[in-house]
C-alpha atoms as a PDB file:
ATOM      1  CA  MET A   1      11.526  -2.315  -9.619  1.00  0.00           C
ATOM      2  CA  LYS A   2      10.036  -4.467  -7.079  1.00  0.00           C
ATOM      3  CA  VAL A   3       7.039  -6.315  -7.453  1.00  0.00           C
ATOM      4  CA  ILE A   4       5.111  -6.466  -3.994  1.00  0.00           C
ATOM      5  CA  PRO A   5       2.099  -8.591  -3.624  1.00  0.00           C
ATOM      6  CA  ALA A   6      -0.874  -7.449  -2.062  1.00  0.00           C
ATOM      7  CA  ILE A   7      -3.585  -8.704   0.733  1.00  0.00           C
ATOM      8  CA  ASP A   8      -6.623  -6.716   1.663  1.00  0.00           C
ATOM      9  CA  LEU A   9      -8.095  -7.819   4.811  1.00  0.00           C
ATOM     10  CA  LYS A  10     -11.573  -7.629   5.733  1.00  0.00           C
ATOM     11  CA  GLU A  11     -13.074  -9.268   9.138  1.00  0.00           C
ATOM     12  CA  GLY A  12      -9.833 -11.509   8.671  1.00  0.00           C
ATOM     13  CA  ARG A  13     -10.795 -12.638   5.160  1.00  0.00           C
ATOM     14  CA  VAL A  14      -8.691 -11.620   1.688  1.00  0.00           C
ATOM     15  CA  VAL A  15     -10.872  -9.140  -0.129  1.00  0.00           C
ATOM     16  CA  ARG A  16     -10.503  -6.453  -2.916  1.00  0.00           C
ATOM     17  CA  LEU A  17     -12.717  -3.387  -3.452  1.00  0.00           C
ATOM     18  CA  ARG A  18     -13.369  -1.733  -6.703  1.00  0.00           C
ATOM     19  CA  GLN A  19     -12.218   2.109  -6.447  1.00  0.00           C
ATOM     20  CA  GLY A  20     -11.909   2.118  -2.686  1.00  0.00           C
ATOM     21  CA  ASP A  21     -15.811   1.123  -2.815  1.00  0.00           C
ATOM     22  CA  PHE A  22     -16.725  -0.777   0.190  1.00  0.00           C
ATOM     23  CA  ASP A  23     -20.056  -1.974  -1.207  1.00  0.00           C
ATOM     24  CA  GLN A  24     -18.128  -3.315  -4.307  1.00  0.00           C
ATOM     25  CA  ILE A  25     -16.537  -5.755  -2.448  1.00  0.00           C
ATOM     26  CA  LYS A  26     -15.225  -9.104  -3.593  1.00  0.00           C
ATOM     27  CA  ARG A  27     -14.403 -11.799  -0.917  1.00  0.00           C
ATOM     28  CA  TYR A  28     -11.854 -14.936  -1.544  1.00  0.00           C
ATOM     29  CA  LYS A  29     -12.007 -18.344   0.270  1.00  0.00           C
ATOM     30  CA  THR A  30      -8.328 -18.683   0.469  1.00  0.00           C
ATOM     31  CA  THR A  31      -7.001 -17.866   4.053  1.00  0.00           C
ATOM     32  CA  PRO A  32      -4.412 -15.110   3.834  1.00  0.00           C
ATOM     33  CA  LEU A  33      -1.885 -17.176   5.440  1.00  0.00           C
ATOM     34  CA  THR A  34      -2.174 -19.451   2.549  1.00  0.00           C
ATOM     35  CA  ILE A  35      -2.074 -16.534  -0.176  1.00  0.00           C
ATOM     36  CA  ALA A  36       0.635 -15.349   1.830  1.00  0.00           C
ATOM     37  CA  LEU A  37       2.904 -18.163   1.970  1.00  0.00           C
ATOM     38  CA  ASP A  38       2.430 -19.046  -1.479  1.00  0.00           C
ATOM     39  CA  TYR A  39       3.521 -15.331  -2.671  1.00  0.00           C
ATOM     40  CA  GLN A  40       6.599 -16.023  -0.430  1.00  0.00           C
ATOM     41  CA  ASN A  41       7.073 -19.605  -2.100  1.00  0.00           C
ATOM     42  CA  GLN A  42       6.874 -18.345  -5.461  1.00  0.00           C
ATOM     43  CA  GLY A  43       9.687 -15.689  -4.646  1.00  0.00           C
ATOM     44  CA  ALA A  44       8.301 -12.568  -3.227  1.00  0.00           C
ATOM     45  CA  LYS A  45      10.531 -11.004  -1.287  1.00  0.00           C
ATOM     46  CA  ARG A  46       7.918  -8.279   0.694  1.00  0.00           C
ATOM     47  CA  LEU A  47       4.335  -8.614   1.467  1.00  0.00           C
ATOM     48  CA  HIS A  48       1.847  -5.621   1.400  1.00  0.00           C
ATOM     49  CA  ILE A  49      -1.069  -5.743   3.587  1.00  0.00           C
ATOM     50  CA  VAL A  50      -3.941  -3.396   4.055  1.00  0.00           C
ATOM     51  CA  ASP A  51      -6.519  -3.579   6.958  1.00  0.00           C
ATOM     52  CA  LEU A  52      -9.377  -2.142   5.415  1.00  0.00           C
ATOM     53  CA  ASP A  53     -11.484  -2.630   8.742  1.00  0.00           C
ATOM     54  CA  GLY A  54      -8.677   0.016  10.088  1.00  0.00           C
ATOM     55  CA  ALA A  55      -8.709   2.504   7.110  1.00  0.00           C
ATOM     56  CA  LYS A  56     -12.451   2.806   7.235  1.00  0.00           C
ATOM     57  CA  THR A  57     -13.386   2.515  11.409  1.00  0.00           C
ATOM     58  CA  GLY A  58      -9.925   3.171  13.060  1.00  0.00           C
ATOM     59  CA  LYS A  59     -10.490  -0.464  14.686  1.00  0.00           C
ATOM     60  CA  ARG A  60      -7.683  -3.219  14.488  1.00  0.00           C
ATOM     61  CA  ASP A  61     -10.163  -5.801  14.028  1.00  0.00           C
ATOM     62  CA  ASN A  62      -7.646  -7.642  11.797  1.00  0.00           C
ATOM     63  CA  TYR A  63      -4.763  -7.426  14.335  1.00  0.00           C
ATOM     64  CA  GLN A  64      -4.478 -11.151  15.078  1.00  0.00           C
ATOM     65  CA  THR A  65      -4.324 -11.989  11.212  1.00  0.00           C
ATOM     66  CA  ILE A  66      -1.846  -9.697  10.532  1.00  0.00           C
ATOM     67  CA  GLU A  67       0.157 -11.034  13.792  1.00  0.00           C
ATOM     68  CA  THR A  68       0.003 -14.508  12.402  1.00  0.00           C
ATOM     69  CA  LEU A  69       1.370 -13.439   8.859  1.00  0.00           C
ATOM     70  CA  VAL A  70       4.365 -11.512  10.100  1.00  0.00           C
ATOM     71  CA  LYS A  71       5.231 -14.535  12.678  1.00  0.00           C
ATOM     72  CA  THR A  72       4.716 -17.284  10.238  1.00  0.00           C
ATOM     73  CA  LEU A  73       6.340 -15.529   7.127  1.00  0.00           C
ATOM     74  CA  VAL A  74      10.235 -15.378   6.426  1.00  0.00           C
ATOM     75  CA  ILE A  75      10.036 -11.875   4.152  1.00  0.00           C
ATOM     76  CA  PRO A  76       9.269  -8.620   5.180  1.00  0.00           C
ATOM     77  CA  VAL A  77       5.586  -7.310   5.830  1.00  0.00           C
ATOM     78  CA  GLN A  78       4.558  -3.748   5.324  1.00  0.00           C
ATOM     79  CA  VAL A  79       1.129  -2.704   6.755  1.00  0.00           C
ATOM     80  CA  GLY A  80      -1.096  -0.183   6.295  1.00  0.00           C
ATOM     81  CA  GLY A  81      -4.689   0.748   7.130  1.00  0.00           C
ATOM     82  CA  GLY A  82      -5.976   2.736  10.169  1.00  0.00           C
ATOM     83  CA  ILE A  83      -2.589   3.819  11.706  1.00  0.00           C
ATOM     84  CA  ARG A  84      -3.463   7.343  13.164  1.00  0.00           C
ATOM     85  CA  THR A  85      -1.587   7.546  15.979  1.00  0.00           C
ATOM     86  CA  TYR A  86       2.150   6.781  17.006  1.00  0.00           C
ATOM     87  CA  ASP A  87       0.853   3.867  19.406  1.00  0.00           C
ATOM     88  CA  ASP A  88      -1.014   2.345  16.583  1.00  0.00           C
ATOM     89  CA  ALA A  89       2.289   2.080  14.716  1.00  0.00           C
ATOM     90  CA  LYS A  90       4.459   1.105  17.570  1.00  0.00           C
ATOM     91  CA  THR A  91       2.106  -1.548  18.121  1.00  0.00           C
ATOM     92  CA  LEU A  92       2.790  -3.089  14.553  1.00  0.00           C
ATOM     93  CA  PHE A  93       6.487  -2.491  15.115  1.00  0.00           C
ATOM     94  CA  ASP A  94       6.426  -4.386  18.418  1.00  0.00           C
ATOM     95  CA  ILE A  95       5.044  -7.443  16.769  1.00  0.00           C
ATOM     96  CA  GLY A  96       7.784  -7.406  13.849  1.00  0.00           C
ATOM     97  CA  VAL A  97       6.172  -5.595  10.968  1.00  0.00           C
ATOM     98  CA  ASP A  98       8.922  -4.349   8.836  1.00  0.00           C
ATOM     99  CA  SER A  99       7.462  -0.697   7.658  1.00  0.00           C
ATOM    100  CA  VAL A 100       4.349   0.972   8.362  1.00  0.00           C
ATOM    101  CA  ILE A 101       2.289   2.681   6.143  1.00  0.00           C
ATOM    102  CA  VAL A 102       0.197   5.989   7.162  1.00  0.00           C
ATOM    103  CA  GLY A 103      -2.212   8.280   5.249  1.00  0.00           C
ATOM    104  CA  THR A 104      -4.547  10.089   7.368  1.00  0.00           C
ATOM    105  CA  MET A 105      -1.886  10.687  10.063  1.00  0.00           C
ATOM    106  CA  ALA A 106       0.037  12.866   7.742  1.00  0.00           C
ATOM    107  CA  PHE A 107      -3.015  15.577   7.752  1.00  0.00           C
ATOM    108  CA  SER A 108      -4.185  14.918  11.449  1.00  0.00           C
ATOM    109  CA  GLN A 109      -1.297  14.048  13.353  1.00  0.00           C
ATOM    110  CA  VAL A 110       1.925  15.585  12.249  1.00  0.00           C
ATOM    111  CA  GLU A 111       3.248  15.521  15.155  1.00  0.00           C
ATOM    112  CA  ASP A 112       3.089  11.668  15.716  1.00  0.00           C
ATOM    113  CA  LEU A 113       4.068  11.607  12.183  1.00  0.00           C
ATOM    114  CA  LYS A 114       7.204  13.560  13.058  1.00  0.00           C
ATOM    115  CA  ARG A 115       7.938  11.369  16.189  1.00  0.00           C
ATOM    116  CA  LEU A 116       7.450   8.225  14.138  1.00  0.00           C
ATOM    117  CA  VAL A 117      10.358   9.476  11.485  1.00  0.00           C
ATOM    118  CA  LYS A 118      12.806  10.235  13.962  1.00  0.00           C
ATOM    119  CA  ASP A 119      12.190   6.746  15.768  1.00  0.00           C
ATOM    120  CA  TYR A 120      12.006   4.437  12.705  1.00  0.00           C
ATOM    121  CA  GLY A 121      13.220   6.518   9.797  1.00  0.00           C
ATOM    122  CA  LYS A 122      12.734   4.702   6.506  1.00  0.00           C
ATOM    123  CA  ARG A 123      10.587   2.298   7.623  1.00  0.00           C
ATOM    124  CA  ILE A 124       7.497   5.014   7.814  1.00  0.00           C
ATOM    125  CA  ILE A 125       5.994   5.170   4.441  1.00  0.00           C
ATOM    126  CA  VAL A 126       3.204   7.867   3.863  1.00  0.00           C
ATOM    127  CA  ALA A 127       0.212   6.436   1.271  1.00  0.00           C
ATOM    128  CA  LEU A 128      -1.193   9.379  -0.895  1.00  0.00           C
ATOM    129  CA  ASP A 129      -4.151   8.219  -2.369  1.00  0.00           C
ATOM    130  CA  VAL A 130      -5.546  10.242  -5.368  1.00  0.00           C
ATOM    131  CA  ARG A 131      -8.087  11.122  -7.621  1.00  0.00           C
ATOM    132  CA  GLU A 132      -7.374  13.117 -10.026  1.00  0.00           C
ATOM    133  CA  GLU A 133      -3.894  14.117  -8.239  1.00  0.00           C
ATOM    134  CA  ASN A 134      -5.708  15.255  -5.419  1.00  0.00           C
ATOM    135  CA  VAL A 135      -5.282  13.328  -2.083  1.00  0.00           C
ATOM    136  CA  LEU A 136      -7.770  11.504  -0.114  1.00  0.00           C
ATOM    137  CA  THR A 137      -8.159  10.415   3.399  1.00  0.00           C
ATOM    138  CA  GLN A 138      -9.741   8.052   5.990  1.00  0.00           C
ATOM    139  CA  GLY A 139      -9.836   5.005   3.516  1.00  0.00           C
ATOM    140  CA  TRP A 140     -10.623   6.992   0.295  1.00  0.00           C
ATOM    141  CA  GLN A 141     -13.682   8.671   1.814  1.00  0.00           C
ATOM    142  CA  VAL A 142     -12.505  12.144   2.367  1.00  0.00           C
ATOM    143  CA  GLU A 143     -10.940  14.261  -0.250  1.00  0.00           C
ATOM    144  CA  THR A 144      -8.479  16.872   0.876  1.00  0.00           C
ATOM    145  CA  GLN A 145      -7.719  20.126  -0.870  1.00  0.00           C
ATOM    146  CA  GLN A 146      -4.045  18.934  -1.557  1.00  0.00           C
ATOM    147  CA  ASN A 147      -2.508  17.970  -4.282  1.00  0.00           C
ATOM    148  CA  ILE A 148      -0.215  15.109  -4.660  1.00  0.00           C
ATOM    149  CA  TYR A 149       2.723  17.357  -5.683  1.00  0.00           C
ATOM    150  CA  ASP A 150       2.825  20.128  -3.097  1.00  0.00           C
ATOM    151  CA  PHE A 151       1.793  17.584  -0.561  1.00  0.00           C
ATOM    152  CA  SER A 152       4.783  15.256  -1.467  1.00  0.00           C
ATOM    153  CA  ALA A 153       7.361  18.570  -0.822  1.00  0.00           C
ATOM    154  CA  PHE A 154       5.556  18.816   2.544  1.00  0.00           C
ATOM    155  CA  LEU A 155       6.408  15.178   3.443  1.00  0.00           C
ATOM    156  CA  MET A 156      10.062  15.823   2.735  1.00  0.00           C
ATOM    157  CA  THR A 157      10.330  18.560   5.105  1.00  0.00           C
ATOM    158  CA  LEU A 158       9.332  15.951   7.767  1.00  0.00           C
ATOM    159  CA  GLY A 159      12.209  13.393   6.477  1.00  0.00           C
ATOM    160  CA  ILE A 160       9.793  11.055   4.731  1.00  0.00           C
ATOM    161  CA  GLN A 161      11.530   9.124   2.248  1.00  0.00           C
ATOM    162  CA  LYS A 162       9.184   6.959   0.505  1.00  0.00           C
ATOM    163  CA  ILE A 163       5.555   7.333  -0.557  1.00  0.00           C
ATOM    164  CA  LEU A 164       2.864   4.638  -1.679  1.00  0.00           C
ATOM    165  CA  VAL A 165       0.817   6.154  -4.283  1.00  0.00           C
ATOM    166  CA  THR A 166      -2.564   4.739  -5.330  1.00  0.00           C
ATOM    167  CA  ASP A 167      -4.879   6.280  -8.158  1.00  0.00           C
ATOM    168  CA  VAL A 168      -7.944   5.193  -6.671  1.00  0.00           C
ATOM    169  CA  ALA A 169     -10.049   5.490  -9.984  1.00  0.00           C
ATOM    170  CA  LYS A 170      -7.877   2.778 -11.247  1.00  0.00           C
ATOM    171  CA  ASP A 171      -7.456   0.647  -8.087  1.00  0.00           C
ATOM    172  CA  GLY A 172      -9.311  -2.951  -8.633  1.00  0.00           C
ATOM    173  CA  MET A 173     -10.304  -2.042 -12.376  1.00  0.00           C
ATOM    174  CA  MET A 174      -7.575  -3.931 -14.276  1.00  0.00           C
ATOM    175  CA  LEU A 175      -7.523  -1.071 -16.449  1.00  0.00           C
ATOM    176  CA  GLY A 176      -3.530  -0.423 -16.476  1.00  0.00           C
ATOM    177  CA  PRO A 177      -1.970   1.635 -14.285  1.00  0.00           C
ATOM    178  CA  ASN A 178      -1.689   5.673 -14.118  1.00  0.00           C
ATOM    179  CA  ILE A 179       1.528   6.095 -16.064  1.00  0.00           C
ATOM    180  CA  ALA A 180       1.187   9.716 -16.724  1.00  0.00           C
ATOM    181  CA  LEU A 181       0.554  10.121 -12.884  1.00  0.00           C
ATOM    182  CA  TYR A 182       4.082   8.345 -11.928  1.00  0.00           C
ATOM    183  CA  GLN A 183       5.989  10.213 -14.442  1.00  0.00           C
ATOM    184  CA  ARG A 184       5.309  13.563 -13.648  1.00  0.00           C
ATOM    185  CA  LEU A 185       5.473  12.647  -9.654  1.00  0.00           C
ATOM    186  CA  LYS A 186       9.149  11.017 -10.614  1.00  0.00           C
ATOM    187  CA  LYS A 187       9.955  14.315 -12.248  1.00  0.00           C
ATOM    188  CA  ARG A 188       8.660  16.589  -9.624  1.00  0.00           C
ATOM    189  CA  THR A 189       9.688  14.647  -6.339  1.00  0.00           C
ATOM    190  CA  LYS A 190      13.070  13.116  -4.816  1.00  0.00           C
ATOM    191  CA  LEU A 191      11.004  10.736  -2.639  1.00  0.00           C
ATOM    192  CA  GLU A 192      11.374   6.697  -3.578  1.00  0.00           C
ATOM    193  CA  VAL A 193       7.718   6.031  -5.181  1.00  0.00           C
ATOM    194  CA  ILE A 194       5.852   2.971  -4.639  1.00  0.00           C
ATOM    195  CA  ALA A 195       3.289   2.672  -7.766  1.00  0.00           C
ATOM    196  CA  SER A 196      -0.361   1.151  -6.751  1.00  0.00           C
ATOM    197  CA  GLY A 197      -3.562   0.327  -8.616  1.00  0.00           C
ATOM    198  CA  GLY A 198      -4.665  -0.942 -12.212  1.00  0.00           C
ATOM    199  CA  VAL A 199      -2.004  -3.418 -12.727  1.00  0.00           C
ATOM    200  CA  ALA A 200      -3.664  -5.965 -15.269  1.00  0.00           C
ATOM    201  CA  LYS A 201      -0.802  -7.642 -17.182  1.00  0.00           C
ATOM    202  CA  LEU A 202       2.794  -8.020 -17.195  1.00  0.00           C
ATOM    203  CA  LYS A 203       3.350  -5.139 -19.996  1.00  0.00           C
ATOM    204  CA  ASP A 204       2.009  -2.814 -17.342  1.00  0.00           C
ATOM    205  CA  LEU A 205       4.825  -3.711 -14.957  1.00  0.00           C
ATOM    206  CA  SER A 206       7.188  -2.896 -17.928  1.00  0.00           C
ATOM    207  CA  ASP A 207       5.579   0.305 -18.472  1.00  0.00           C
ATOM    208  CA  LEU A 208       5.693   1.507 -14.793  1.00  0.00           C
ATOM    209  CA  LYS A 209       9.564   0.395 -14.789  1.00  0.00           C
ATOM    210  CA  THR A 210      10.230   2.964 -17.288  1.00  0.00           C
ATOM    211  CA  THR A 211       8.620   5.842 -14.973  1.00  0.00           C
ATOM    212  CA  GLY A 212      11.448   5.254 -12.477  1.00  0.00           C
ATOM    213  CA  VAL A 213       9.253   3.994  -9.803  1.00  0.00           C
ATOM    214  CA  GLU A 214      11.163   1.980  -7.430  1.00  0.00           C
ATOM    215  CA  ALA A 215       8.457  -0.668  -6.576  1.00  0.00           C
ATOM    216  CA  VAL A 216       5.072  -1.302  -7.383  1.00  0.00           C
ATOM    217  CA  VAL A 217       2.108  -3.154  -5.134  1.00  0.00           C
ATOM    218  CA  VAL A 218      -0.163  -5.629  -6.839  1.00  0.00           C
ATOM    219  CA  GLY A 219      -3.207  -7.101  -5.870  1.00  0.00           C
ATOM    220  CA  LYS A 220      -6.140  -7.977  -7.930  1.00  0.00           C
ATOM    221  CA  ALA A 221      -4.151  -9.394 -11.021  1.00  0.00           C
ATOM    222  CA  LEU A 222      -2.160 -12.153  -8.814  1.00  0.00           C
ATOM    223  CA  LEU A 223      -5.105 -12.716  -6.605  1.00  0.00           C
ATOM    224  CA  ASP A 224      -7.363 -13.652  -9.884  1.00  0.00           C
ATOM    225  CA  ASN A 225      -4.496 -15.563 -11.423  1.00  0.00           C
ATOM    226  CA  VAL A 226      -4.045 -13.057 -14.418  1.00  0.00           C
ATOM    227  CA  PHE A 227      -0.247 -14.065 -13.741  1.00  0.00           C
ATOM    228  CA  THR A 228       1.524 -15.565 -11.197  1.00  0.00           C
ATOM    229  CA  TYR A 229       4.300 -14.084  -9.106  1.00  0.00           C
ATOM    230  CA  LEU A 230       6.648 -16.678 -10.661  1.00  0.00           C
ATOM    231  CA  GLU A 231       5.930 -15.048 -14.043  1.00  0.00           C
ATOM    232  CA  VAL A 232       6.732 -11.925 -12.558  1.00  0.00           C
ATOM    233  CA  SER A 233      10.165 -12.808 -11.083  1.00  0.00           C
ATOM    234  CA  GLN A 234      11.214 -14.407 -14.582  1.00  0.00           C
ATOM    235  CA  CYS A 235      10.225 -11.501 -16.514  1.00  0.00           C
END
């Protein structure tokens, strides 16, 4: 199971939200590039970036920061947040982003999603942000009537191969991941699953590994030095 460190961006700065709530935000003084280089130096094989401004408003206010990260780092970078059209995704691929993560597009721009899958294949990841197994969109602000299992089956018909699943009730809370959710999901889908949300200690990573998920994104625990990426790589 791969462990992917995460950096959430708002107005060019590194931040963390509690349960996806923009009113509960923690800002970090260290620059995104300094943090990213530190993860790379500790042995991280990939970086996960979330553009929170893009997720909330659709605006690409963090574009320059993302471009600097992509062009400076050696490791591949995957980016999500506010990517709602084919052109949004293509712009990121054009600056060297390795994988693009889409969410709302899977509901509102299905034809664009099909076109992206045709052109970029496995480099397209669909983010399924869930609360009580119902999928949320628009930066976790809108709850749909789709449960994660049925929607995962639909995504497979579009050619999607990989999903990023976040239980927003766990995200940023440091209370441990929703192990049962990932166990059920891996039993009901053939998609590759990236887990996200709630990792608070190294044992959480061991528990996630038993579910069969292919990777896990870790944000707050690494940013707050609960453990280091070097410790992760030595487990």
